[in-house]
């Protein structure tokens, strides 16, 4: 497992794109796997900041990416 710090939507898009390609999955096929359009997947991979967070989380899960939040104590 690799831990990566994320500071922008573009960071997420770059990771998603690289991992999807490494797994040999086409954009249209990946979009179908999460019930989204290829346009949405393209927008996520380009780092568009207004995409649906629920679809992003579903996409990350489908790619096997686990999301952890480092929440500060009060």
N, C-alpha and C. Protein backbone atom coordinates (compact mmCIF):
# COMPACT_ATOMS: atom_id res chain seq x y z
N UNK A 1 0.84 -1.17 0.00
CA UNK A 1 0.00 0.00 0.00
C UNK A 1 0.89 1.23 0.00
N UNK A 2 0.45 2.23 -0.74
CA UNK A 2 1.15 3.50 -0.83
C UNK A 2 0.25 4.61 -0.29
N UNK A 3 0.80 5.50 0.50
CA UNK A 3 0.04 6.63 1.03
C UNK A 3 0.42 7.87 0.24
N UNK A 4 -0.59 8.59 -0.24
CA UNK A 4 -0.36 9.77 -1.06
C UNK A 4 -1.15 10.93 -0.50
N UNK A 5 -0.50 12.05 -0.35
CA UNK A 5 -1.17 13.26 0.11
C UNK A 5 -1.84 13.94 -1.08
N UNK A 6 -3.08 14.36 -0.89
CA UNK A 6 -3.87 14.99 -1.94
C UNK A 6 -4.17 16.42 -1.54
N UNK A 7 -3.94 17.36 -2.47
CA UNK A 7 -4.25 18.75 -2.15
C UNK A 7 -5.14 19.42 -3.20
N UNK A 8 -5.53 18.66 -4.23
CA UNK A 8 -6.39 19.25 -5.26
C UNK A 8 -7.16 18.16 -6.00
N UNK A 9 -8.20 18.60 -6.70
CA UNK A 9 -8.96 17.68 -7.55
C UNK A 9 -8.08 17.13 -8.66
N UNK A 10 -7.14 17.93 -9.13
CA UNK A 10 -6.20 17.49 -10.17
C UNK A 10 -5.33 16.33 -9.67
N UNK A 11 -4.92 16.38 -8.40
CA UNK A 11 -4.15 15.27 -7.83
C UNK A 11 -4.94 13.97 -7.90
N UNK A 12 -6.21 14.03 -7.54
CA UNK A 12 -7.07 12.84 -7.59
C UNK A 12 -7.21 12.36 -9.04
N UNK A 13 -7.46 13.30 -9.94
CA UNK A 13 -7.61 12.95 -11.36
C UNK A 13 -6.39 12.26 -11.93
N UNK A 14 -5.22 12.77 -11.59
CA UNK A 14 -3.98 12.17 -12.08
C UNK A 14 -3.82 10.73 -11.59
N UNK A 15 -4.13 10.52 -10.33
CA UNK A 15 -4.02 9.17 -9.75
C UNK A 15 -5.03 8.23 -10.38
N UNK A 16 -6.28 8.69 -10.51
CA UNK A 16 -7.34 7.87 -11.11
C UNK A 16 -6.95 7.48 -12.53
N UNK A 17 -6.52 8.46 -13.31
CA UNK A 17 -6.16 8.20 -14.70
C UNK A 17 -5.02 7.18 -14.80
N UNK A 18 -3.98 7.37 -14.01
CA UNK A 18 -2.83 6.47 -14.06
C UNK A 18 -3.21 5.05 -13.64
N UNK A 19 -3.99 4.93 -12.57
CA UNK A 19 -4.36 3.60 -12.09
C UNK A 19 -5.32 2.91 -13.06
N UNK A 20 -6.26 3.65 -13.61
CA UNK A 20 -7.19 3.08 -14.59
C UNK A 20 -6.42 2.53 -15.79
N UNK A 21 -5.48 3.32 -16.29
CA UNK A 21 -4.67 2.88 -17.43
C UNK A 21 -3.81 1.68 -17.08
N UNK A 22 -3.23 1.69 -15.88
CA UNK A 22 -2.40 0.58 -15.44
C UNK A 22 -3.21 -0.72 -15.36
N UNK A 23 -4.50 -0.57 -15.00
CA UNK A 23 -5.38 -1.75 -14.91
C UNK A 23 -5.97 -2.14 -16.26
N UNK A 24 -5.67 -1.33 -17.30
CA UNK A 24 -6.12 -1.65 -18.65
C UNK A 24 -7.61 -1.43 -18.87
N UNK A 25 -8.18 -0.46 -18.19
CA UNK A 25 -9.61 -0.18 -18.30
C UNK A 25 -9.81 1.09 -19.13
N UNK A 26 -10.65 1.00 -20.16
CA UNK A 26 -10.97 2.18 -20.97
C UNK A 26 -11.88 3.13 -20.19
N UNK A 27 -11.83 4.42 -20.54
CA UNK A 27 -12.66 5.41 -19.86
C UNK A 27 -14.13 5.04 -19.91
N UNK A 28 -14.62 4.67 -21.08
CA UNK A 28 -16.04 4.34 -21.23
C UNK A 28 -16.43 3.14 -20.37
N UNK A 29 -15.55 2.15 -20.29
CA UNK A 29 -15.83 0.97 -19.47
C UNK A 29 -15.83 1.33 -17.99
N UNK A 30 -14.87 2.15 -17.56
CA UNK A 30 -14.80 2.57 -16.16
C UNK A 30 -16.04 3.36 -15.78
N UNK A 31 -16.46 4.25 -16.68
CA UNK A 31 -17.66 5.04 -16.43
C UNK A 31 -18.87 4.13 -16.26
N UNK A 32 -18.99 3.13 -17.11
CA UNK A 32 -20.09 2.19 -17.00
C UNK A 32 -20.07 1.42 -15.69
N UNK A 33 -18.90 1.11 -15.18
CA UNK A 33 -18.77 0.37 -13.93
C UNK A 33 -19.31 1.15 -12.74
N UNK A 34 -19.28 2.49 -12.83
CA UNK A 34 -19.77 3.30 -11.72
C UNK A 34 -21.10 3.98 -12.04
N UNK A 35 -21.70 3.61 -13.18
CA UNK A 35 -22.99 4.17 -13.56
C UNK A 35 -22.92 5.65 -13.91
N UNK A 36 -21.87 6.03 -14.60
CA UNK A 36 -21.67 7.43 -14.97
C UNK A 36 -21.35 7.53 -16.46
N UNK A 37 -21.33 8.74 -16.96
CA UNK A 37 -20.97 8.95 -18.36
C UNK A 37 -19.46 9.06 -18.51
N UNK A 38 -19.00 8.83 -19.73
CA UNK A 38 -17.56 8.99 -19.99
C UNK A 38 -17.15 10.45 -19.81
N UNK A 39 -18.09 11.37 -19.99
CA UNK A 39 -17.80 12.80 -19.80
C UNK A 39 -17.48 13.07 -18.32
N UNK A 40 -18.25 12.46 -17.42
CA UNK A 40 -17.97 12.65 -15.99
C UNK A 40 -16.60 12.08 -15.64
N UNK A 41 -16.30 10.89 -16.14
CA UNK A 41 -15.00 10.30 -15.85
C UNK A 41 -13.88 11.17 -16.39
N UNK A 42 -14.05 11.68 -17.60
CA UNK A 42 -13.06 12.59 -18.17
C UNK A 42 -12.88 13.83 -17.28
N UNK A 43 -14.00 14.38 -16.80
CA UNK A 43 -13.93 15.56 -15.94
C UNK A 43 -13.18 15.27 -14.64
N UNK A 44 -13.43 14.09 -14.07
CA UNK A 44 -12.72 13.70 -12.84
C UNK A 44 -11.23 13.61 -13.13
N UNK A 45 -10.87 12.95 -14.21
CA UNK A 45 -9.46 12.75 -14.54
C UNK A 45 -8.77 14.07 -14.88
N UNK A 46 -9.51 15.03 -15.34
CA UNK A 46 -8.93 16.36 -15.65
C UNK A 46 -8.88 17.27 -14.43
N UNK A 47 -9.45 16.80 -13.32
CA UNK A 47 -9.39 17.58 -12.09
C UNK A 47 -10.47 18.64 -11.95
N UNK A 48 -11.57 18.48 -12.66
CA UNK A 48 -12.67 19.44 -12.55
C UNK A 48 -13.19 19.42 -11.11
N UNK A 49 -13.30 20.59 -10.52
CA UNK A 49 -13.63 20.69 -9.09
C UNK A 49 -15.12 20.61 -8.78
N UNK A 50 -15.98 20.61 -9.78
CA UNK A 50 -17.42 20.62 -9.53
C UNK A 50 -18.09 19.27 -9.76
N UNK A 51 -17.32 18.20 -9.84
CA UNK A 51 -17.92 16.87 -10.05
C UNK A 51 -18.57 16.37 -8.76
N UNK A 52 -19.45 15.42 -8.91
CA UNK A 52 -20.19 14.83 -7.80
C UNK A 52 -19.25 14.01 -6.90
N UNK A 53 -19.14 14.42 -5.65
CA UNK A 53 -18.21 13.74 -4.72
C UNK A 53 -18.59 12.27 -4.52
N UNK A 54 -19.89 11.97 -4.57
CA UNK A 54 -20.33 10.58 -4.42
C UNK A 54 -19.80 9.70 -5.54
N UNK A 55 -19.81 10.21 -6.76
CA UNK A 55 -19.28 9.45 -7.90
C UNK A 55 -17.76 9.31 -7.79
N UNK A 56 -17.10 10.35 -7.31
CA UNK A 56 -15.65 10.27 -7.13
C UNK A 56 -15.32 9.18 -6.11
N UNK A 57 -16.02 9.15 -5.00
CA UNK A 57 -15.77 8.13 -3.98
C UNK A 57 -16.07 6.73 -4.52
N UNK A 58 -17.14 6.60 -5.29
CA UNK A 58 -17.47 5.31 -5.90
C UNK A 58 -16.37 4.88 -6.87
N UNK A 59 -15.88 5.81 -7.66
CA UNK A 59 -14.80 5.53 -8.60
C UNK A 59 -13.54 5.08 -7.86
N UNK A 60 -13.17 5.79 -6.83
CA UNK A 60 -11.98 5.42 -6.04
C UNK A 60 -12.13 4.02 -5.48
N UNK A 61 -13.31 3.71 -4.95
CA UNK A 61 -13.56 2.37 -4.41
C UNK A 61 -13.44 1.30 -5.49
N UNK A 62 -14.02 1.58 -6.65
CA UNK A 62 -13.97 0.62 -7.76
C UNK A 62 -12.54 0.35 -8.21
N UNK A 63 -11.68 1.36 -8.12
CA UNK A 63 -10.28 1.19 -8.49
C UNK A 63 -9.44 0.58 -7.36
N UNK A 64 -10.06 0.37 -6.21
CA UNK A 64 -9.33 -0.22 -5.09
C UNK A 64 -8.57 0.80 -4.26
N UNK A 65 -8.94 2.07 -4.40
CA UNK A 65 -8.28 3.13 -3.64
C UNK A 65 -9.07 3.36 -2.36
N UNK A 66 -8.40 3.23 -1.25
CA UNK A 66 -9.03 3.45 0.06
C UNK A 66 -8.80 4.90 0.48
N UNK A 67 -9.86 5.56 0.92
CA UNK A 67 -9.76 6.95 1.33
C UNK A 67 -9.78 7.03 2.85
N UNK A 68 -8.77 7.67 3.40
CA UNK A 68 -8.69 7.87 4.85
C UNK A 68 -8.60 9.36 5.11
N UNK A 69 -9.27 9.82 6.14
CA UNK A 69 -9.19 11.23 6.52
C UNK A 69 -8.41 11.34 7.82
N UNK A 70 -7.45 12.22 7.85
CA UNK A 70 -6.65 12.47 9.04
C UNK A 70 -7.30 13.64 9.78
N UNK A 71 -8.21 13.32 10.69
CA UNK A 71 -9.03 14.32 11.37
C UNK A 71 -8.33 14.77 12.65
N UNK A 72 -8.12 16.09 12.80
CA UNK A 72 -7.47 16.56 14.01
C UNK A 72 -8.39 16.40 15.22
N UNK A 73 -7.78 16.13 16.36
CA UNK A 73 -8.55 16.03 17.59
C UNK A 73 -8.92 17.43 18.06
N UNK A 74 -10.08 17.54 18.69
CA UNK A 74 -10.58 18.85 19.12
C UNK A 74 -9.78 19.43 20.27
